[in-house]
Amino acid sequence: MGGGDWADIAAEQAERGDETLVINMGPQHPSTHGVLRLMVEVDGETVTSIRPGIGFLHTGIEKNMEFRSWTQGTTFVTRMDYVAPIFNEVAYCLSVERLLGIEDKIPQRASDIRVLMMELCRIASHLVAVGTGGMEIGALTVMTIGFREREMILDFFEAVTGLRMNHAYVRPGGVANDLPETGIAQLRDVINWLEKHLPEYAAFCNENPIFKGRMCGIGYQDLSACFALGVTGPILRSTGYGWDLRKQQPYCGYETYDFDVITWDTSDAYGRFRVRLDEMWESLKIVKQCADRLEASTGEPVMVDDPKIAWPAQLAVGPDGQGNSHEHIKHIMGESMEALIHHFKLVTEGFRVPAGQAYVPIESPKGELGCHVVSDGGTRPFRSHMRDPGFNHLQSVPIQCEGGMLADVVVAIGSLDPVMGGVDR
């Protein structure tokens, strides 16, 4: 309530007696991308020292997961990165599936749906990064059109999962439910819309002299600095190093898709913008391949064929668009007491996971996202920890900003694309 350590910082500065000004920047939304606090020392307009202070959004997600079943854990991790929630769900479920020993038993259609949802989510996340980054330097139209395209993707997510965000759609063993009957047709509409409107971002920004003046040479961080701080994703690829876990350590069948790893060679905010812009096109290329595969595999299962793990069991939306399918309700409520008991125990108690630990990393829109899960053989995680790329990337703020101008601090932070829900988990 009293401002934390601000009084101590101000007192130290008063004793120095020089002209350096100490500024408390944030936490505020949106220009510090959530509740990030920066303690900045400036000499005139030049940043001489900058320290990120994190922890203002701590929601105890990882601790809460220790008191929920393995399946319920998906509901928690999806809220860590509220801009790209599907990736948290996939990283968590892949780690749980490795402990269960069912990685090779996941239905192909479920893996294809996971890839589809991730790549659409990658486009949506990049649209937010590009749009809000443009807004912060005065290019408001870039944000408004960015959210326009994102809205089309969220409409599709809502049709598939029932929710625009925080889906809890990816479950250990597969996904919660199949695409709706109109899913492929709606997906084709999304693809057509994106193909028509994505070129607008390049037209607005790529050669815009004001945009380039604010972005080029700002937030510089070379390859060695990325290696030293564990920086991945578009920031790493903007140095010219083509590291992408979808290629280097494939998961969910990414090795069967045709796409390129995008790199740039400027190591600055502009390079990261161009990487994200081009990556949206590569993701769209993958989405098209997913659409063709899913159209060909209509009717195939989307959950592992193991009644001890599959949850929810045989879930489908009823003909009125609400509740479970009549066939499933009829079976568990009117035909088999054993089925009802099994359903009750699976939902309330959950399944057991063999004792051990696993870590599976994936390529999120922001970089390497991994989940380290530890099981003691029970029905809930003994420990679950997410390796969120934003936590590492915020360490880069001093490297990118010290010696630069105060006006460029927000540009540098925006180019990192941090989401504080993952950092302050």
Protein backbone atom coordinates (compact mmCIF):
# COMPACT_ATOMS: atom_id res chain seq x y z
CA MET A 1 0.00 0.00 0.00
CA GLY A 2 2.94 2.32 0.62
CA GLY A 3 4.59 1.80 -2.76
CA GLY A 4 6.89 -1.08 -1.88
CA ASP A 5 10.57 -0.18 -2.10
CA TRP A 6 9.96 3.17 -3.80
CA ALA A 7 10.88 5.20 -0.68
CA ASP A 8 14.23 3.41 -0.45
CA ILE A 9 14.97 4.03 -4.14
CA ALA A 10 14.10 7.73 -3.82
CA ALA A 11 16.25 8.07 -0.69
CA GLU A 12 19.26 6.50 -2.38
CA GLN A 13 18.89 8.88 -5.31
CA ALA A 14 18.62 11.92 -3.02
CA GLU A 15 21.95 11.03 -1.40
CA ARG A 16 23.73 10.91 -4.76
CA GLY A 17 23.11 14.57 -5.50
CA ASP A 18 23.53 14.32 -9.29
CA GLU A 19 21.07 15.19 -12.06
CA THR A 20 19.92 11.61 -12.67
CA LEU A 21 16.14 11.31 -12.45
CA VAL A 22 14.50 8.14 -11.09
CA ILE A 23 11.16 7.29 -12.71
CA ASN A 24 8.67 4.65 -11.61
CA MET A 25 7.19 3.40 -14.89
CA GLY A 26 4.10 1.23 -14.49
CA PRO A 27 2.50 -1.02 -13.60
CA GLN A 28 -0.18 0.10 -16.03
CA HIS A 29 -2.09 -1.20 -19.00
CA PRO A 30 -1.49 -1.42 -21.93
CA SER A 31 1.83 0.28 -22.63
CA THR A 32 3.71 -1.87 -20.12
CA HIS A 33 1.81 -4.93 -21.41
CA GLY A 34 -0.03 -5.60 -18.19
CA VAL A 35 1.29 -5.11 -14.71
CA LEU A 36 5.01 -4.76 -15.40
CA ARG A 37 6.85 -2.25 -13.24
CA LEU A 38 10.04 -0.62 -14.48
CA MET A 39 12.39 1.37 -12.26
CA VAL A 40 14.13 3.71 -14.68
CA GLU A 41 17.03 6.11 -14.14
CA VAL A 42 17.44 8.75 -16.83
CA ASP A 43 19.98 11.45 -17.53
CA GLY A 44 17.96 13.90 -19.56
CA GLU A 45 16.20 11.61 -22.07
CA THR A 46 18.85 8.89 -21.94
CA VAL A 47 18.19 5.73 -19.93
CA THR A 48 21.17 5.02 -17.70
CA SER A 49 19.66 2.18 -15.70
CA ILE A 50 16.44 0.16 -15.91
CA ARG A 51 15.22 -2.64 -13.67
CA PRO A 52 12.07 -4.68 -14.34
CA GLY A 53 10.03 -5.55 -11.27
CA ILE A 54 7.67 -8.47 -11.78
CA GLY A 55 5.18 -10.26 -9.57
CA PHE A 56 2.24 -7.84 -9.55
CA LEU A 57 -0.18 -10.32 -11.16
CA HIS A 58 0.68 -13.44 -9.20
CA THR A 59 -2.41 -15.66 -9.17
CA GLY A 60 -0.92 -18.82 -7.69
CA ILE A 61 -1.90 -20.92 -10.69
CA GLU A 62 0.82 -23.53 -10.25
CA LYS A 63 -0.02 -23.99 -6.55
CA ASN A 64 -3.75 -24.23 -7.29
CA MET A 65 -3.06 -27.04 -9.76
CA GLU A 66 -1.73 -29.19 -6.93
CA PHE A 67 -5.28 -29.35 -5.55
CA ARG A 68 -7.07 -30.24 -8.79
CA SER A 69 -7.20 -33.34 -10.97
CA TRP A 70 -4.89 -33.77 -13.95
CA THR A 71 -7.66 -32.89 -16.38
CA GLN A 72 -8.72 -29.84 -14.38
CA GLY A 73 -5.14 -28.56 -14.66
CA THR A 74 -5.91 -27.54 -18.24
CA THR A 75 -8.43 -25.02 -16.93
CA PHE A 76 -5.67 -23.30 -14.95
CA VAL A 77 -2.77 -23.26 -17.42
CA THR A 78 -4.93 -21.82 -20.20
CA ARG A 79 -5.25 -18.61 -18.15
CA MET A 80 -1.50 -18.01 -17.91
CA ASP A 81 -1.20 -16.60 -21.43
CA TYR A 82 -4.62 -15.18 -22.12
CA VAL A 83 -3.50 -14.03 -25.58
CA ALA A 84 -2.35 -17.51 -26.69
CA PRO A 85 -4.10 -19.93 -24.30
CA ILE A 86 -4.09 -23.01 -26.54
CA PHE A 87 -0.30 -23.31 -26.33
CA ASN A 88 -0.31 -23.59 -22.54
CA GLU A 89 -2.92 -26.33 -22.76
CA VAL A 90 -0.90 -28.30 -25.32
CA ALA A 91 2.40 -28.01 -23.43
CA TYR A 92 0.75 -29.21 -20.23
CA CYS A 93 -1.14 -32.08 -21.86
CA LEU A 94 1.92 -33.30 -23.80
CA SER A 95 3.86 -33.52 -20.53
CA VAL A 96 1.03 -35.39 -18.79
CA GLU A 97 0.72 -37.76 -21.76
CA ARG A 98 4.45 -38.49 -21.59
CA LEU A 99 4.06 -39.52 -17.95
CA LEU A 100 1.03 -41.64 -18.86
CA GLY A 101 3.00 -43.30 -21.68
CA ILE A 102 0.25 -42.63 -24.24
CA GLU A 103 2.08 -40.26 -26.62
CA ASP A 104 1.84 -42.79 -29.46
CA LYS A 105 -1.84 -43.50 -28.79
CA ILE A 106 -3.21 -40.01 -29.38
CA PRO A 107 -5.61 -40.16 -32.36
CA GLN A 108 -4.29 -38.52 -35.52
CA ARG A 109 -7.36 -36.35 -35.82
CA ALA A 110 -6.81 -35.02 -32.30
CA SER A 111 -3.21 -34.10 -33.17
CA ASP A 112 -4.38 -32.39 -36.37
CA ILE A 113 -6.95 -30.37 -34.41
CA ARG A 114 -4.28 -29.38 -31.89
CA VAL A 115 -2.01 -28.13 -34.67
CA LEU A 116 -4.91 -26.25 -36.28
CA MET A 117 -5.86 -24.53 -33.05
CA MET A 118 -2.25 -23.68 -32.19
CA GLU A 119 -1.51 -22.11 -35.55
CA LEU A 120 -4.69 -20.05 -35.56
CA CYS A 121 -3.81 -19.03 -32.02
CA ARG A 122 -0.29 -18.10 -33.18
CA ILE A 123 -1.78 -15.77 -35.79
CA ALA A 124 -4.12 -14.25 -33.18
CA SER A 125 -1.23 -13.72 -30.75
CA HIS A 126 0.97 -12.11 -33.40
CA LEU A 127 -1.92 -9.85 -34.40
CA VAL A 128 -2.08 -8.58 -30.82
CA ALA A 129 1.71 -8.12 -30.70
CA VAL A 130 1.80 -6.25 -34.00
CA GLY A 131 -1.38 -4.29 -33.31
CA THR A 132 -0.54 -3.10 -29.80
CA GLY A 133 3.06 -2.44 -30.85
CA GLY A 134 1.76 -0.16 -33.57
CA MET A 135 -0.65 1.55 -31.22
CA GLU A 136 2.15 2.37 -28.78
CA ILE A 137 3.97 4.41 -31.41
CA GLY A 138 0.86 6.12 -32.71
CA ALA A 139 -0.15 3.76 -35.54
CA LEU A 140 -3.65 3.22 -34.18
CA THR A 141 -5.05 1.77 -37.41
CA VAL A 142 -2.65 -1.17 -37.14
CA MET A 143 -4.29 -2.12 -33.86
CA THR A 144 -7.87 -1.71 -35.04
CA ILE A 145 -7.34 -3.92 -38.09
CA GLY A 146 -5.34 -6.38 -36.00
CA PHE A 147 -8.26 -6.91 -33.67
CA ARG A 148 -10.56 -7.18 -36.67
CA GLU A 149 -8.71 -10.25 -37.97
CA ARG A 150 -8.32 -11.67 -34.47
CA GLU A 151 -12.08 -11.47 -34.03
CA MET A 152 -12.58 -13.85 -36.96
CA ILE A 153 -10.27 -16.38 -35.33
CA LEU A 154 -11.96 -16.02 -31.94
CA ASP A 155 -15.35 -16.61 -33.58
CA PHE A 156 -14.01 -19.91 -34.89
CA PHE A 157 -12.59 -20.81 -31.46
CA GLU A 158 -15.98 -20.09 -29.93
CA ALA A 159 -17.71 -22.34 -32.46
CA VAL A 160 -15.32 -25.20 -31.66
CA THR A 161 -14.75 -24.86 -27.90
CA GLY A 162 -17.67 -22.73 -26.74
CA LEU A 163 -15.32 -19.97 -25.53
CA ARG A 164 -13.37 -17.10 -27.07
CA MET A 165 -10.46 -17.58 -24.66
CA ASN A 166 -9.47 -19.71 -21.64
CA HIS A 167 -10.78 -22.69 -23.57
CA ALA A 168 -9.59 -25.74 -21.57
CA TYR A 169 -10.17 -27.50 -24.88
CA VAL A 170 -7.01 -29.59 -25.13
CA ARG A 171 -7.19 -32.46 -22.63
CA PRO A 172 -4.81 -35.28 -21.69
CA GLY A 173 -5.48 -37.88 -24.37
CA GLY A 174 -6.83 -35.60 -27.08
CA VAL A 175 -9.32 -32.74 -27.23
CA ALA A 176 -12.64 -32.16 -25.47
CA ASN A 177 -14.81 -32.49 -28.57
CA ASP A 178 -14.67 -32.68 -32.35
CA LEU A 179 -15.23 -29.80 -34.74
CA PRO A 180 -18.91 -28.86 -35.20
CA GLU A 181 -20.71 -29.86 -38.38
CA THR A 182 -20.10 -26.43 -39.85
CA GLY A 183 -16.50 -26.30 -38.59
CA ILE A 184 -14.67 -26.91 -41.88
CA ALA A 185 -16.84 -24.42 -43.77
CA GLN A 186 -16.26 -21.76 -41.11
CA LEU A 187 -12.53 -22.54 -41.15
CA ARG A 188 -12.41 -22.01 -44.92
CA ASP A 189 -14.09 -18.62 -44.41
CA VAL A 190 -11.43 -17.67 -41.84
CA ILE A 191 -8.65 -18.70 -44.23
CA ASN A 192 -10.15 -16.65 -47.06
CA TRP A 193 -10.56 -13.63 -44.80
CA LEU A 194 -6.95 -13.77 -43.58
CA GLU A 195 -5.57 -14.22 -47.10
CA LYS A 196 -7.45 -11.11 -48.14
CA HIS A 197 -6.53 -8.86 -45.18
CA LEU A 198 -3.08 -9.91 -43.92
CA PRO A 199 -1.32 -7.99 -46.75
CA GLU A 200 -2.62 -4.74 -45.23
CA TYR A 201 -0.07 -4.87 -42.38
CA ALA A 202 2.87 -4.92 -44.77
CA ALA A 203 1.31 -2.09 -46.76
CA PHE A 204 0.85 0.02 -43.63
CA CYS A 205 4.18 -0.59 -41.95
CA ASN A 206 7.00 -2.29 -43.84
CA GLU A 207 8.31 0.78 -45.66
CA ASN A 208 6.57 3.47 -43.63
CA PRO A 209 9.37 5.96 -42.77
CA ILE A 210 7.84 6.97 -39.43
CA PHE A 211 7.26 3.35 -38.44
CA LYS A 212 10.81 2.37 -39.41
CA GLY A 213 12.22 5.43 -37.68
CA ARG A 214 10.66 4.32 -34.41
CA MET A 215 11.53 0.62 -34.80
CA CYS A 216 14.85 0.24 -36.64
CA GLY A 217 17.86 -0.05 -34.35
CA ILE A 218 15.64 0.01 -31.24
CA GLY A 219 15.86 -2.74 -28.62
CA TYR A 220 19.01 -4.19 -30.14
CA GLN A 221 19.97 -7.65 -28.82
CA ASP A 222 22.38 -9.84 -30.75
CA LEU A 223 22.65 -13.63 -30.89
CA SER A 224 25.19 -13.98 -28.05
CA ALA A 225 22.96 -11.93 -25.73
CA CYS A 226 19.98 -14.13 -26.63
CA PHE A 227 21.98 -17.26 -25.82
CA ALA A 228 23.18 -15.80 -22.52
CA LEU A 229 19.66 -15.01 -21.32
CA GLY A 230 17.76 -17.98 -22.74
CA VAL A 231 15.84 -15.84 -25.21
CA THR A 232 13.87 -17.71 -27.89
CA GLY A 233 11.08 -17.14 -30.40
CA PRO A 234 10.87 -14.13 -32.73
CA ILE A 235 13.52 -12.25 -30.71
CA LEU A 236 16.06 -15.02 -31.32
CA ARG A 237 15.03 -15.48 -34.95
CA SER A 238 15.39 -11.74 -35.59
CA THR A 239 19.15 -12.25 -35.12
CA GLY A 240 19.22 -14.61 -38.12
CA TYR A 241 19.25 -17.84 -36.10
CA GLY A 242 16.50 -20.17 -37.34
CA TRP A 243 15.67 -22.01 -34.12
CA ASP A 244 12.08 -23.27 -34.07
CA LEU A 245 11.03 -26.27 -31.95
CA ARG A 246 8.44 -27.25 -34.55
CA LYS A 247 11.42 -28.12 -36.77
CA GLN A 248 14.19 -28.94 -34.28
CA GLN A 249 12.12 -31.04 -31.83
CA PRO A 250 8.82 -31.79 -33.62
CA TYR A 251 5.66 -32.61 -31.66
CA CYS A 252 2.02 -33.21 -32.65
CA GLY A 253 3.23 -34.31 -36.10
CA TYR A 254 4.74 -30.96 -37.15
CA GLU A 255 7.40 -32.84 -39.10
CA THR A 256 4.67 -33.80 -41.59
CA TYR A 257 3.71 -30.20 -42.40
CA ASP A 258 5.25 -27.96 -45.03
CA PHE A 259 6.34 -24.59 -43.64
CA ASP A 260 9.45 -22.44 -43.34
CA VAL A 261 11.23 -20.97 -40.31
CA ILE A 262 11.25 -17.18 -40.64
CA THR A 263 14.40 -15.22 -39.74
CA TRP A 264 15.57 -11.62 -39.99
CA ASP A 265 19.03 -10.11 -39.64
CA THR A 266 18.65 -6.82 -37.76
CA SER A 267 18.35 -8.00 -34.10
CA ASP A 268 16.02 -5.10 -33.33
CA ALA A 269 12.36 -4.25 -32.82
CA TYR A 270 11.76 -3.88 -36.55
CA GLY A 271 13.21 -7.33 -37.22
CA ARG A 272 10.89 -8.89 -34.64
CA PHE A 273 7.93 -7.17 -36.26
CA ARG A 274 8.89 -8.55 -39.68
CA VAL A 275 9.41 -12.06 -38.26
CA ARG A 276 5.93 -12.04 -36.72
CA LEU A 277 4.40 -10.67 -39.90
CA ASP A 278 5.91 -13.41 -42.06
CA GLU A 279 5.20 -16.12 -39.47
CA MET A 280 1.48 -15.39 -39.78
CA TRP A 281 1.68 -16.43 -43.43
CA GLU A 282 3.54 -19.65 -42.54
CA SER A 283 0.93 -20.43 -39.89
CA LEU A 284 -1.80 -19.85 -42.46
CA LYS A 285 -0.01 -22.30 -44.73
CA ILE A 286 -0.18 -24.93 -41.95
CA VAL A 287 -3.84 -24.10 -41.25
CA LYS A 288 -4.71 -24.86 -44.88
CA GLN A 289 -3.00 -28.24 -44.62
CA CYS A 290 -4.91 -28.96 -41.40
CA ALA A 291 -8.20 -28.08 -43.08
CA ASP A 292 -7.56 -30.60 -45.85
CA ARG A 293 -6.56 -33.34 -43.38
CA LEU A 294 -9.53 -32.75 -41.10
CA GLU A 295 -11.94 -32.74 -44.01
CA ALA A 296 -10.58 -36.15 -45.02
CA SER A 297 -10.72 -37.61 -41.48
CA THR A 298 -14.27 -36.57 -40.56
CA GLY A 299 -15.77 -38.95 -38.01
CA GLU A 300 -12.50 -40.31 -36.65
CA PRO A 301 -11.90 -40.23 -32.86
CA VAL A 302 -10.49 -37.17 -31.11
CA MET A 303 -9.76 -38.78 -27.71
CA VAL A 304 -7.51 -41.69 -26.75
CA ASP A 305 -9.28 -45.07 -26.70
CA ASP A 306 -8.83 -45.68 -22.98
CA PRO A 307 -11.92 -45.33 -20.75
CA LYS A 308 -9.68 -44.93 -17.69
CA ILE A 309 -8.18 -41.71 -19.11
CA ALA A 310 -10.59 -40.29 -21.70
CA TRP A 311 -12.39 -37.35 -20.06
CA PRO A 312 -15.01 -36.27 -20.67
CA ALA A 313 -16.10 -39.69 -21.93
CA GLN A 314 -17.95 -39.58 -25.25
CA LEU A 315 -18.93 -35.97 -24.74
CA ALA A 316 -20.90 -34.39 -27.55
CA VAL A 317 -23.22 -31.42 -27.62
CA GLY A 318 -26.90 -32.31 -27.78
CA PRO A 319 -29.13 -31.42 -30.73
CA ASP A 320 -30.41 -28.33 -28.90
CA GLY A 321 -26.86 -27.01 -28.62
CA GLN A 322 -26.82 -27.52 -24.87
CA GLY A 323 -25.75 -30.33 -22.58
CA ASN A 324 -24.45 -33.77 -23.51
CA SER A 325 -25.66 -35.91 -26.37
CA HIS A 326 -28.76 -37.95 -25.65
CA GLU A 327 -27.00 -41.21 -26.47
CA HIS A 328 -24.36 -40.69 -23.80
CA ILE A 329 -26.90 -39.63 -21.16
CA LYS A 330 -29.14 -42.57 -22.04
CA HIS A 331 -26.25 -45.00 -21.63
CA ILE A 332 -24.92 -43.80 -18.28
CA MET A 333 -28.32 -42.94 -16.75
CA GLY A 334 -30.55 -45.70 -18.05
CA GLU A 335 -28.57 -48.67 -19.30
CA SER A 336 -25.46 -49.29 -17.18
CA MET A 337 -24.90 -48.63 -13.50
CA GLU A 338 -21.21 -49.48 -14.03
CA ALA A 339 -20.94 -46.82 -16.72
CA LEU A 340 -22.53 -44.25 -14.41
CA ILE A 341 -20.14 -45.15 -11.58
CA HIS A 342 -17.16 -44.97 -13.93
CA HIS A 343 -18.28 -41.60 -15.29
CA PHE A 344 -18.77 -40.27 -11.76
CA LYS A 345 -15.35 -41.40 -10.54
CA LEU A 346 -13.56 -40.19 -13.66
CA VAL A 347 -15.07 -36.73 -13.39
CA THR A 348 -14.87 -36.26 -9.60
CA GLU A 349 -11.70 -38.16 -8.69
CA GLY A 350 -9.82 -38.27 -11.98
CA PHE A 351 -7.28 -40.76 -13.28
CA ARG A 352 -3.96 -41.68 -11.70
CA VAL A 353 -0.65 -40.79 -13.37
CA PRO A 354 2.43 -42.99 -12.78
CA ALA A 355 5.05 -41.46 -10.50
CA GLY A 356 7.79 -39.54 -12.31
CA GLN A 357 8.46 -36.24 -14.01
CA ALA A 358 8.38 -34.96 -17.57
CA TYR A 359 9.13 -31.76 -19.47
CA VAL A 360 7.88 -31.15 -23.01
CA PRO A 361 8.76 -27.84 -24.72
CA ILE A 362 6.79 -26.39 -27.64
CA GLU A 363 7.18 -23.33 -29.88
CA SER A 364 4.69 -20.74 -28.66
CA PRO A 365 4.24 -17.39 -30.46
CA LYS A 366 6.63 -15.86 -27.94
CA GLY A 367 9.30 -18.59 -27.78
CA GLU A 368 9.98 -21.84 -25.96
CA LEU A 369 7.07 -22.72 -23.70
CA GLY A 370 7.40 -25.87 -21.64
CA CYS A 371 5.65 -27.59 -18.78
CA HIS A 372 7.48 -29.58 -16.12
CA VAL A 373 5.07 -31.89 -14.32
CA VAL A 374 5.87 -34.12 -11.36
CA SER A 375 3.60 -36.97 -10.27
CA ASP A 376 3.66 -39.00 -7.07
CA GLY A 377 1.30 -41.55 -8.57
CA GLY A 378 -1.86 -39.76 -7.47
CA THR A 379 -4.85 -38.18 -9.18
CA ARG A 380 -3.44 -34.66 -9.17
CA PRO A 381 -0.07 -33.05 -9.92
CA PHE A 382 2.50 -33.13 -7.11
CA ARG A 383 4.09 -30.14 -8.86
CA SER A 384 3.53 -28.36 -12.15
CA HIS A 385 5.77 -25.57 -13.41
CA MET A 386 5.56 -23.64 -16.66
CA ARG A 387 8.65 -22.33 -18.44
CA ASP A 388 7.11 -19.17 -19.85
CA PRO A 389 9.32 -17.36 -22.39
CA GLY A 390 8.20 -13.92 -21.20
CA PHE A 391 9.88 -14.48 -17.84
CA ASN A 392 13.25 -14.92 -19.56
CA HIS A 393 12.67 -12.20 -22.10
CA LEU A 394 12.04 -9.51 -19.48
CA GLN A 395 15.64 -10.01 -18.38
CA SER A 396 16.52 -8.48 -21.74
CA VAL A 397 15.03 -5.08 -20.91
CA PRO A 398 18.30 -3.61 -19.49
CA ILE A 399 20.35 -4.87 -22.44
CA GLN A 400 17.92 -3.41 -24.94
CA CYS A 401 17.16 -0.10 -23.22
CA GLU A 402 20.17 1.15 -21.28
CA GLY A 403 21.97 3.82 -23.29
CA GLY A 404 18.89 4.44 -25.40
CA MET A 405 16.13 7.03 -25.23
CA LEU A 406 13.28 6.96 -22.73
CA ALA A 407 10.77 7.14 -25.60
CA ASP A 408 12.14 3.85 -26.95
CA VAL A 409 11.57 1.83 -23.76
CA VAL A 410 7.94 0.99 -24.60
CA VAL A 411 8.92 0.08 -28.17
CA ALA A 412 11.52 -2.37 -26.84
CA ILE A 413 9.09 -3.91 -24.36
CA GLY A 414 6.42 -4.23 -27.05
CA SER A 415 8.89 -6.05 -29.30
CA LEU A 416 9.38 -8.64 -26.53
CA ASP A 417 5.61 -9.33 -26.51
CA PRO A 418 5.43 -10.36 -22.83
CA VAL A 419 2.17 -11.48 -21.23
CA MET A 420 2.31 -11.01 -17.50
CA GLY A 421 -0.14 -13.82 -16.77
CA GLY A 422 2.59 -16.25 -17.75
CA VAL A 423 5.41 -14.32 -16.11
CA ASP A 424 3.60 -13.89 -12.76
CA ARG A 425 2.06 -17.33 -12.64
